[in-house]
Amino acid sequence: MRKNQKLIAALAGFAALIALLAGIYLWSRPDTQAGDKTIGVSVVHRDGTEKEFTCRTDAEYLAQALLEEGLIQGDEGEFGLYVTVVDGEKADYSADQSWWCLTKGGEAWSTGASQTAIADGEHYEWTFTVG
C-alpha cells in the first residue's frame, strides 16, 4: 500500500511538472499577428551587393512568408527550416563554411525563420556569411 502511495505521488508530481512546462511554453512563445502585413527584407550577397525586397503576406511566420515569395529555400530539420538559398544564391556550409545569417535591425536573431513571428512593418536581413 505504501508503494502505491509513493507511485501516485510521483506520477502527480510528474504531471504537475509537465503542466508547468506547457504553461511556460504557451506564455513565452512569440505572439503571431493574423491578417495582411508588409515586411521588408534586405539580402546581402557573397559579393557584398545588397537587394531590398518588400513582401506582402498573411503568413504568421517569416519562413512561410519568404517561401511563398520564392525568396528562400532550405531543408526541413528538427529545428525548422535550415535556409540554404536566399535570392537564388546558395550557401553550402559543408563546402566552404558559408551560411545565411538572419538578423533583425542589424541584431543577431535568436530564432530561426520558422519560429520568427512577423508583424506589419518589420524588417529583416539575410547576410551571406563564411566561417
N, C-alpha and C. Protein backbone atom coordinates (compact mmCIF):
# COMPACT_ATOMS: atom_id res chain seq x y z
N MET A 1 0.83 -1.19 0.00
CA MET A 1 0.00 0.00 0.00
C MET A 1 0.88 1.26 0.00
N ARG A 2 1.95 1.26 0.76
CA ARG A 2 2.86 2.41 0.85
C ARG A 2 3.53 2.66 -0.51
N LYS A 3 3.88 1.56 -1.24
CA LYS A 3 4.50 1.68 -2.55
C LYS A 3 3.54 2.38 -3.52
N ASN A 4 2.28 2.02 -3.45
CA ASN A 4 1.28 2.63 -4.33
C ASN A 4 1.15 4.13 -4.07
N GLN A 5 1.20 4.52 -2.81
CA GLN A 5 1.10 5.94 -2.47
C GLN A 5 2.29 6.72 -3.03
N LYS A 6 3.49 6.14 -2.94
CA LYS A 6 4.68 6.80 -3.48
C LYS A 6 4.59 6.91 -5.00
N LEU A 7 4.09 5.87 -5.63
CA LEU A 7 3.95 5.88 -7.08
C LEU A 7 2.94 6.94 -7.51
N ILE A 8 1.83 7.01 -6.81
CA ILE A 8 0.80 8.01 -7.13
C ILE A 8 1.34 9.42 -6.91
N ALA A 9 2.08 9.63 -5.85
CA ALA A 9 2.68 10.94 -5.58
C ALA A 9 3.69 11.31 -6.65
N ALA A 10 4.50 10.34 -7.08
CA ALA A 10 5.49 10.60 -8.13
C ALA A 10 4.80 10.94 -9.45
N LEU A 11 3.74 10.21 -9.80
CA LEU A 11 3.01 10.49 -11.03
C LEU A 11 2.34 11.86 -10.98
N ALA A 12 1.80 12.23 -9.83
CA ALA A 12 1.17 13.54 -9.67
C ALA A 12 2.20 14.65 -9.81
N GLY A 13 3.37 14.45 -9.24
CA GLY A 13 4.45 15.43 -9.37
C GLY A 13 4.91 15.57 -10.82
N PHE A 14 5.02 14.45 -11.52
CA PHE A 14 5.41 14.46 -12.92
C PHE A 14 4.37 15.19 -13.76
N ALA A 15 3.10 14.92 -13.51
CA ALA A 15 2.02 15.60 -14.25
C ALA A 15 2.04 17.10 -13.98
N ALA A 16 2.32 17.49 -12.75
CA ALA A 16 2.39 18.92 -12.41
C ALA A 16 3.57 19.58 -13.13
N LEU A 17 4.69 18.88 -13.21
CA LEU A 17 5.86 19.40 -13.92
C LEU A 17 5.56 19.59 -15.40
N ILE A 18 4.90 18.62 -16.01
CA ILE A 18 4.53 18.72 -17.43
C ILE A 18 3.58 19.90 -17.64
N ALA A 19 2.61 20.07 -16.77
CA ALA A 19 1.67 21.19 -16.87
C ALA A 19 2.40 22.52 -16.73
N LEU A 20 3.35 22.60 -15.81
CA LEU A 20 4.13 23.82 -15.62
C LEU A 20 4.95 24.15 -16.86
N LEU A 21 5.63 23.16 -17.44
CA LEU A 21 6.43 23.38 -18.64
C LEU A 21 5.56 23.79 -19.82
N ALA A 22 4.39 23.18 -19.95
CA ALA A 22 3.48 23.56 -21.03
C ALA A 22 3.01 25.00 -20.84
N GLY A 23 2.73 25.38 -19.62
CA GLY A 23 2.31 26.76 -19.34
C GLY A 23 3.41 27.76 -19.65
N ILE A 24 4.65 27.43 -19.30
CA ILE A 24 5.78 28.32 -19.60
C ILE A 24 5.92 28.47 -21.10
N TYR A 25 5.81 27.38 -21.84
CA TYR A 25 5.92 27.44 -23.30
C TYR A 25 4.83 28.34 -23.89
N LEU A 26 3.59 28.13 -23.47
CA LEU A 26 2.48 28.92 -24.01
C LEU A 26 2.61 30.40 -23.66
N TRP A 27 3.13 30.69 -22.48
CA TRP A 27 3.29 32.07 -22.04
C TRP A 27 4.44 32.77 -22.77
N SER A 28 5.51 32.04 -23.07
CA SER A 28 6.71 32.68 -23.62
C SER A 28 6.84 32.59 -25.13
N ARG A 29 6.00 31.82 -25.81
CA ARG A 29 6.13 31.72 -27.26
C ARG A 29 5.80 33.06 -27.91
N PRO A 30 6.40 33.32 -29.07
CA PRO A 30 6.14 34.61 -29.72
C PRO A 30 4.70 34.73 -30.18
N ASP A 31 4.14 35.93 -30.00
CA ASP A 31 2.78 36.18 -30.47
C ASP A 31 2.80 36.34 -31.99
N THR A 32 1.81 35.81 -32.63
CA THR A 32 1.70 35.98 -34.07
C THR A 32 0.63 37.02 -34.35
N GLN A 33 0.73 37.61 -35.53
CA GLN A 33 -0.24 38.62 -35.94
C GLN A 33 -0.97 38.08 -37.16
N ALA A 34 -2.26 37.87 -37.02
CA ALA A 34 -3.06 37.36 -38.13
C ALA A 34 -3.36 38.49 -39.11
N GLY A 35 -3.64 38.10 -40.36
CA GLY A 35 -4.05 39.08 -41.36
C GLY A 35 -2.91 39.57 -42.22
N ASP A 36 -3.27 40.49 -43.12
CA ASP A 36 -2.30 41.03 -44.05
C ASP A 36 -1.25 41.88 -43.34
N LYS A 37 -0.02 41.75 -43.82
CA LYS A 37 1.07 42.55 -43.29
C LYS A 37 2.11 42.73 -44.38
N THR A 38 2.93 43.75 -44.23
CA THR A 38 4.01 44.02 -45.16
C THR A 38 5.31 44.05 -44.37
N ILE A 39 6.29 43.29 -44.82
CA ILE A 39 7.60 43.26 -44.17
C ILE A 39 8.68 43.58 -45.20
N GLY A 40 9.79 44.12 -44.72
CA GLY A 40 10.93 44.40 -45.57
C GLY A 40 12.01 43.37 -45.32
N VAL A 41 12.74 43.03 -46.38
CA VAL A 41 13.84 42.07 -46.28
C VAL A 41 15.01 42.59 -47.10
N SER A 42 16.18 42.70 -46.45
CA SER A 42 17.42 43.03 -47.14
C SER A 42 18.22 41.74 -47.31
N VAL A 43 18.85 41.60 -48.47
CA VAL A 43 19.71 40.45 -48.72
C VAL A 43 21.09 40.98 -49.10
N VAL A 44 22.09 40.56 -48.33
CA VAL A 44 23.47 40.92 -48.62
C VAL A 44 24.15 39.67 -49.17
N HIS A 45 24.52 39.72 -50.44
CA HIS A 45 25.10 38.57 -51.13
C HIS A 45 26.59 38.42 -50.83
N ARG A 46 27.14 37.29 -51.26
CA ARG A 46 28.55 36.97 -51.06
C ARG A 46 29.46 38.10 -51.54
N ASP A 47 29.12 38.71 -52.67
CA ASP A 47 29.96 39.75 -53.25
C ASP A 47 29.73 41.13 -52.63
N GLY A 48 28.87 41.20 -51.60
CA GLY A 48 28.62 42.44 -50.90
C GLY A 48 27.47 43.27 -51.46
N THR A 49 26.94 42.86 -52.61
CA THR A 49 25.80 43.59 -53.14
C THR A 49 24.58 43.36 -52.26
N GLU A 50 23.74 44.37 -52.20
CA GLU A 50 22.56 44.30 -51.34
C GLU A 50 21.31 44.55 -52.17
N LYS A 51 20.28 43.76 -51.88
CA LYS A 51 18.98 43.92 -52.55
C LYS A 51 17.90 44.06 -51.48
N GLU A 52 16.93 44.88 -51.79
CA GLU A 52 15.79 45.10 -50.89
C GLU A 52 14.54 44.46 -51.48
N PHE A 53 13.75 43.85 -50.62
CA PHE A 53 12.50 43.23 -51.02
C PHE A 53 11.40 43.69 -50.08
N THR A 54 10.20 43.80 -50.62
CA THR A 54 9.02 44.07 -49.83
C THR A 54 8.07 42.90 -50.03
N CYS A 55 7.67 42.30 -48.94
CA CYS A 55 6.79 41.13 -49.01
C CYS A 55 5.45 41.46 -48.36
N ARG A 56 4.40 41.22 -49.10
CA ARG A 56 3.04 41.36 -48.57
C ARG A 56 2.50 39.96 -48.36
N THR A 57 2.04 39.70 -47.15
CA THR A 57 1.68 38.33 -46.80
C THR A 57 0.62 38.29 -45.71
N ASP A 58 -0.04 37.15 -45.59
CA ASP A 58 -0.89 36.90 -44.43
C ASP A 58 -0.29 35.79 -43.57
N ALA A 59 0.94 35.39 -43.90
CA ALA A 59 1.65 34.37 -43.11
C ALA A 59 1.94 34.91 -41.71
N GLU A 60 2.07 34.01 -40.77
CA GLU A 60 2.36 34.42 -39.40
C GLU A 60 3.83 34.29 -39.05
N TYR A 61 4.59 33.50 -39.83
CA TYR A 61 6.00 33.26 -39.55
C TYR A 61 6.85 33.62 -40.77
N LEU A 62 8.07 34.06 -40.52
CA LEU A 62 8.94 34.55 -41.56
C LEU A 62 9.22 33.51 -42.65
N ALA A 63 9.53 32.29 -42.28
CA ALA A 63 9.83 31.27 -43.28
C ALA A 63 8.66 31.08 -44.24
N GLN A 64 7.48 30.99 -43.71
CA GLN A 64 6.29 30.79 -44.54
C GLN A 64 6.14 31.94 -45.53
N ALA A 65 6.31 33.17 -45.07
CA ALA A 65 6.16 34.34 -45.94
C ALA A 65 7.22 34.34 -47.04
N LEU A 66 8.46 34.04 -46.69
CA LEU A 66 9.54 34.11 -47.67
C LEU A 66 9.53 32.92 -48.62
N LEU A 67 9.05 31.77 -48.15
CA LEU A 67 8.89 30.63 -49.05
C LEU A 67 7.81 30.93 -50.09
N GLU A 68 6.71 31.53 -49.65
CA GLU A 68 5.63 31.90 -50.56
C GLU A 68 6.11 32.88 -51.62
N GLU A 69 7.02 33.79 -51.24
CA GLU A 69 7.56 34.78 -52.17
C GLU A 69 8.62 34.18 -53.10
N GLY A 70 9.10 32.98 -52.76
CA GLY A 70 10.17 32.35 -53.54
C GLY A 70 11.53 32.97 -53.24
N LEU A 71 11.64 33.66 -52.13
CA LEU A 71 12.89 34.33 -51.77
C LEU A 71 13.89 33.40 -51.11
N ILE A 72 13.40 32.39 -50.39
CA ILE A 72 14.30 31.45 -49.72
C ILE A 72 13.95 30.02 -50.09
N GLN A 73 14.94 29.14 -49.88
CA GLN A 73 14.76 27.70 -49.98
C GLN A 73 15.60 27.09 -48.86
N GLY A 74 15.28 25.86 -48.52
CA GLY A 74 16.07 25.21 -47.49
C GLY A 74 15.63 23.80 -47.24
N ASP A 75 16.17 23.24 -46.18
CA ASP A 75 15.89 21.87 -45.79
C ASP A 75 15.21 21.87 -44.44
N GLU A 76 14.11 21.13 -44.34
CA GLU A 76 13.42 21.00 -43.05
C GLU A 76 14.23 20.09 -42.14
N GLY A 77 14.38 20.51 -40.90
CA GLY A 77 15.08 19.72 -39.90
C GLY A 77 14.32 19.75 -38.60
N GLU A 78 14.91 19.21 -37.58
CA GLU A 78 14.22 19.13 -36.29
C GLU A 78 13.99 20.50 -35.67
N PHE A 79 14.74 21.51 -36.09
CA PHE A 79 14.59 22.86 -35.55
C PHE A 79 13.89 23.80 -36.53
N GLY A 80 13.28 23.24 -37.56
CA GLY A 80 12.60 24.06 -38.56
C GLY A 80 13.39 24.11 -39.84
N LEU A 81 13.15 25.13 -40.63
CA LEU A 81 13.78 25.27 -41.94
C LEU A 81 15.21 25.77 -41.79
N TYR A 82 16.16 25.01 -42.36
CA TYR A 82 17.55 25.46 -42.44
C TYR A 82 17.70 26.11 -43.81
N VAL A 83 17.83 27.43 -43.83
CA VAL A 83 17.84 28.19 -45.08
C VAL A 83 19.19 28.02 -45.76
N THR A 84 19.16 27.53 -46.99
CA THR A 84 20.38 27.32 -47.77
C THR A 84 20.46 28.23 -48.98
N VAL A 85 19.33 28.74 -49.45
CA VAL A 85 19.31 29.60 -50.64
C VAL A 85 18.48 30.84 -50.32
N VAL A 86 19.06 32.01 -50.60
CA VAL A 86 18.34 33.27 -50.46
C VAL A 86 18.55 34.05 -51.76
N ASP A 87 17.47 34.51 -52.33
CA ASP A 87 17.50 35.28 -53.58
C ASP A 87 18.36 34.57 -54.64
N GLY A 88 18.22 33.25 -54.70
CA GLY A 88 18.89 32.48 -55.73
C GLY A 88 20.34 32.11 -55.44
N GLU A 89 20.92 32.62 -54.34
CA GLU A 89 22.31 32.30 -54.02
C GLU A 89 22.38 31.24 -52.93
N LYS A 90 23.14 30.18 -53.22
CA LYS A 90 23.24 29.06 -52.30
C LYS A 90 24.45 29.20 -51.39
N ALA A 91 24.24 28.92 -50.12
CA ALA A 91 25.32 28.82 -49.15
C ALA A 91 25.47 27.34 -48.81
N ASP A 92 26.70 26.84 -48.77
CA ASP A 92 26.95 25.42 -48.52
C ASP A 92 28.02 25.30 -47.43
N TYR A 93 27.57 25.12 -46.21
CA TYR A 93 28.49 25.08 -45.08
C TYR A 93 29.50 23.95 -45.20
N SER A 94 29.07 22.81 -45.72
CA SER A 94 29.98 21.67 -45.83
C SER A 94 31.08 21.90 -46.87
N ALA A 95 30.85 22.77 -47.84
CA ALA A 95 31.85 23.03 -48.89
C ALA A 95 32.84 24.13 -48.47
N ASP A 96 32.31 25.25 -47.96
CA ASP A 96 33.20 26.38 -47.65
C ASP A 96 32.81 27.14 -46.38
N GLN A 97 32.06 26.50 -45.52
CA GLN A 97 31.58 27.06 -44.26
C GLN A 97 30.73 28.32 -44.46
N SER A 98 29.99 28.38 -45.57
CA SER A 98 29.11 29.51 -45.81
C SER A 98 27.70 29.20 -45.32
N TRP A 99 27.01 30.23 -44.87
CA TRP A 99 25.65 30.09 -44.36
C TRP A 99 24.96 31.45 -44.41
N TRP A 100 23.65 31.43 -44.29
CA TRP A 100 22.86 32.66 -44.29
C TRP A 100 22.55 33.07 -42.86
N CYS A 101 22.96 34.26 -42.48
CA CYS A 101 22.74 34.80 -41.13
C CYS A 101 21.48 35.67 -41.14
N LEU A 102 20.54 35.36 -40.27
CA LEU A 102 19.31 36.14 -40.13
C LEU A 102 19.48 37.16 -39.02
N THR A 103 19.20 38.43 -39.33
CA THR A 103 19.23 39.48 -38.33
C THR A 103 17.95 40.32 -38.46
N LYS A 104 17.68 41.05 -37.41
CA LYS A 104 16.54 41.99 -37.41
C LYS A 104 17.07 43.30 -36.84
N GLY A 105 17.01 44.34 -37.65
CA GLY A 105 17.54 45.62 -37.21
C GLY A 105 19.03 45.58 -36.95
N GLY A 106 19.75 44.70 -37.66
CA GLY A 106 21.19 44.58 -37.50
C GLY A 106 21.62 43.73 -36.33
N GLU A 107 20.69 43.25 -35.54
CA GLU A 107 21.00 42.42 -34.37
C GLU A 107 20.78 40.95 -34.70
N ALA A 108 21.71 40.10 -34.25
CA ALA A 108 21.56 38.66 -34.45
C ALA A 108 20.22 38.22 -33.89
N TRP A 109 19.53 37.37 -34.63
CA TRP A 109 18.19 36.94 -34.24
C TRP A 109 18.28 35.60 -33.56
N SER A 110 17.55 35.41 -32.48
CA SER A 110 17.70 34.22 -31.64
C SER A 110 16.86 33.04 -32.09
N THR A 111 15.97 33.22 -33.05
CA THR A 111 15.18 32.10 -33.55
C THR A 111 15.39 31.98 -35.05
N GLY A 112 15.11 30.80 -35.56
CA GLY A 112 15.19 30.59 -36.99
C GLY A 112 13.97 31.17 -37.68
N ALA A 113 14.00 31.14 -38.99
CA ALA A 113 12.91 31.72 -39.78
C ALA A 113 11.58 31.04 -39.50
N SER A 114 11.61 29.75 -39.21
CA SER A 114 10.36 29.01 -38.95
C SER A 114 9.70 29.41 -37.64
N GLN A 115 10.48 29.90 -36.68
CA GLN A 115 9.94 30.27 -35.37
C GLN A 115 9.81 31.78 -35.20
N THR A 116 10.16 32.56 -36.22
CA THR A 116 10.11 34.01 -36.12
C THR A 116 8.74 34.53 -36.52
N ALA A 117 7.97 34.95 -35.51
CA ALA A 117 6.65 35.53 -35.76
C ALA A 117 6.86 36.92 -36.36
N ILE A 118 6.06 37.25 -37.38
CA ILE A 118 6.22 38.54 -38.04
C ILE A 118 5.02 39.45 -37.78
N ALA A 119 5.30 40.74 -37.84
CA ALA A 119 4.24 41.75 -37.68
C ALA A 119 4.41 42.79 -38.77
N ASP A 120 3.34 43.49 -39.05
CA ASP A 120 3.34 44.50 -40.09
C ASP A 120 4.42 45.54 -39.83
N GLY A 121 5.19 45.87 -40.89
CA GLY A 121 6.20 46.93 -40.81
C GLY A 121 7.57 46.49 -40.37
N GLU A 122 7.75 45.24 -40.01
CA GLU A 122 9.07 44.79 -39.56
C GLU A 122 10.04 44.64 -40.73
N HIS A 123 11.33 44.61 -40.39
CA HIS A 123 12.38 44.48 -41.40
C HIS A 123 13.42 43.46 -40.93
N TYR A 124 13.80 42.57 -41.83
CA TYR A 124 14.78 41.52 -41.55
C TYR A 124 15.90 41.58 -42.56
N GLU A 125 17.05 41.01 -42.19
CA GLU A 125 18.19 40.96 -43.08
C GLU A 125 18.72 39.53 -43.17
N TRP A 126 19.10 39.14 -44.37
CA TRP A 126 19.80 37.88 -44.62
C TRP A 126 21.18 38.24 -45.16
N THR A 127 22.22 37.80 -44.49
CA THR A 127 23.59 38.13 -44.89
C THR A 127 24.36 36.85 -45.17
N PHE A 128 24.94 36.76 -46.35
CA PHE A 128 25.79 35.62 -46.70
C PHE A 128 27.04 35.71 -45.82
N THR A 129 27.32 34.63 -45.10
CA THR A 129 28.39 34.63 -44.10
C THR A 129 29.27 33.42 -44.33
N VAL A 130 30.57 33.59 -44.16
CA VAL A 130 31.51 32.48 -44.26
C VAL A 130 32.26 32.38 -42.93
N GLY A 131 32.29 31.14 -42.40
CA GLY A 131 33.02 30.92 -41.16
C GLY A 131 32.16 30.77 -39.96
